[in-house]
Amino acid sequence: MTDYEREVIRETTTSDTHAHPPVAPPAAHATADVHTRERHMRPGPTGGEVLRRFIILAFGILQGLLILRIVLLLLVANTGNDIVGAILGITDPFVDPFRGMFRIDEVSSDGGSQLDVAAIVAMIAWTLSEALIIAAMSLGARRGEDATA
């Protein structure tokens, strides 16, 4: 259930029991109850929810591109191809900070297949960054609401 599908219902019950003798038989009705119901639906997602969704979308696109990079290099894709070149070019700035972190940045075979270890480390690091950002956004949130409601 999303924030804007949640409904708030307030119910007030008032019992009226006086010392009057009951007019109807005792089993039928001894008290008068008044019920008031108020229903409130949010018109749409809050600004914080939209921001959270945008962050998740942006990191999801980055994670998908990093997975494509890993698979393309494993399958010895033609780097002269425009699509392959674009994916490698887009992901390079996100992988470069993690190059040289370990002694092995990539594992190559004789057939030209490469396992880009730096891209795997980048994928893990960017996923942890996403989780940290989403968690930080919800620090000040009340239960069931986002931080900037």
Foldseek 3Di string as FASTA:
>chain_A
DAQQADKDKDKDWDWDADPDDDPDPPVPDRIDIDIDIDIDGHPDADPLVVVLVVLVVVLVVLLVLLVVLQVCLQVVHDCVDPVNVVSCVVNCVLLVVQPPVDPDQWDADPVRRIGGNSSVVSSVVSVVVSVVVLVVQQPCPDPNHTNRD
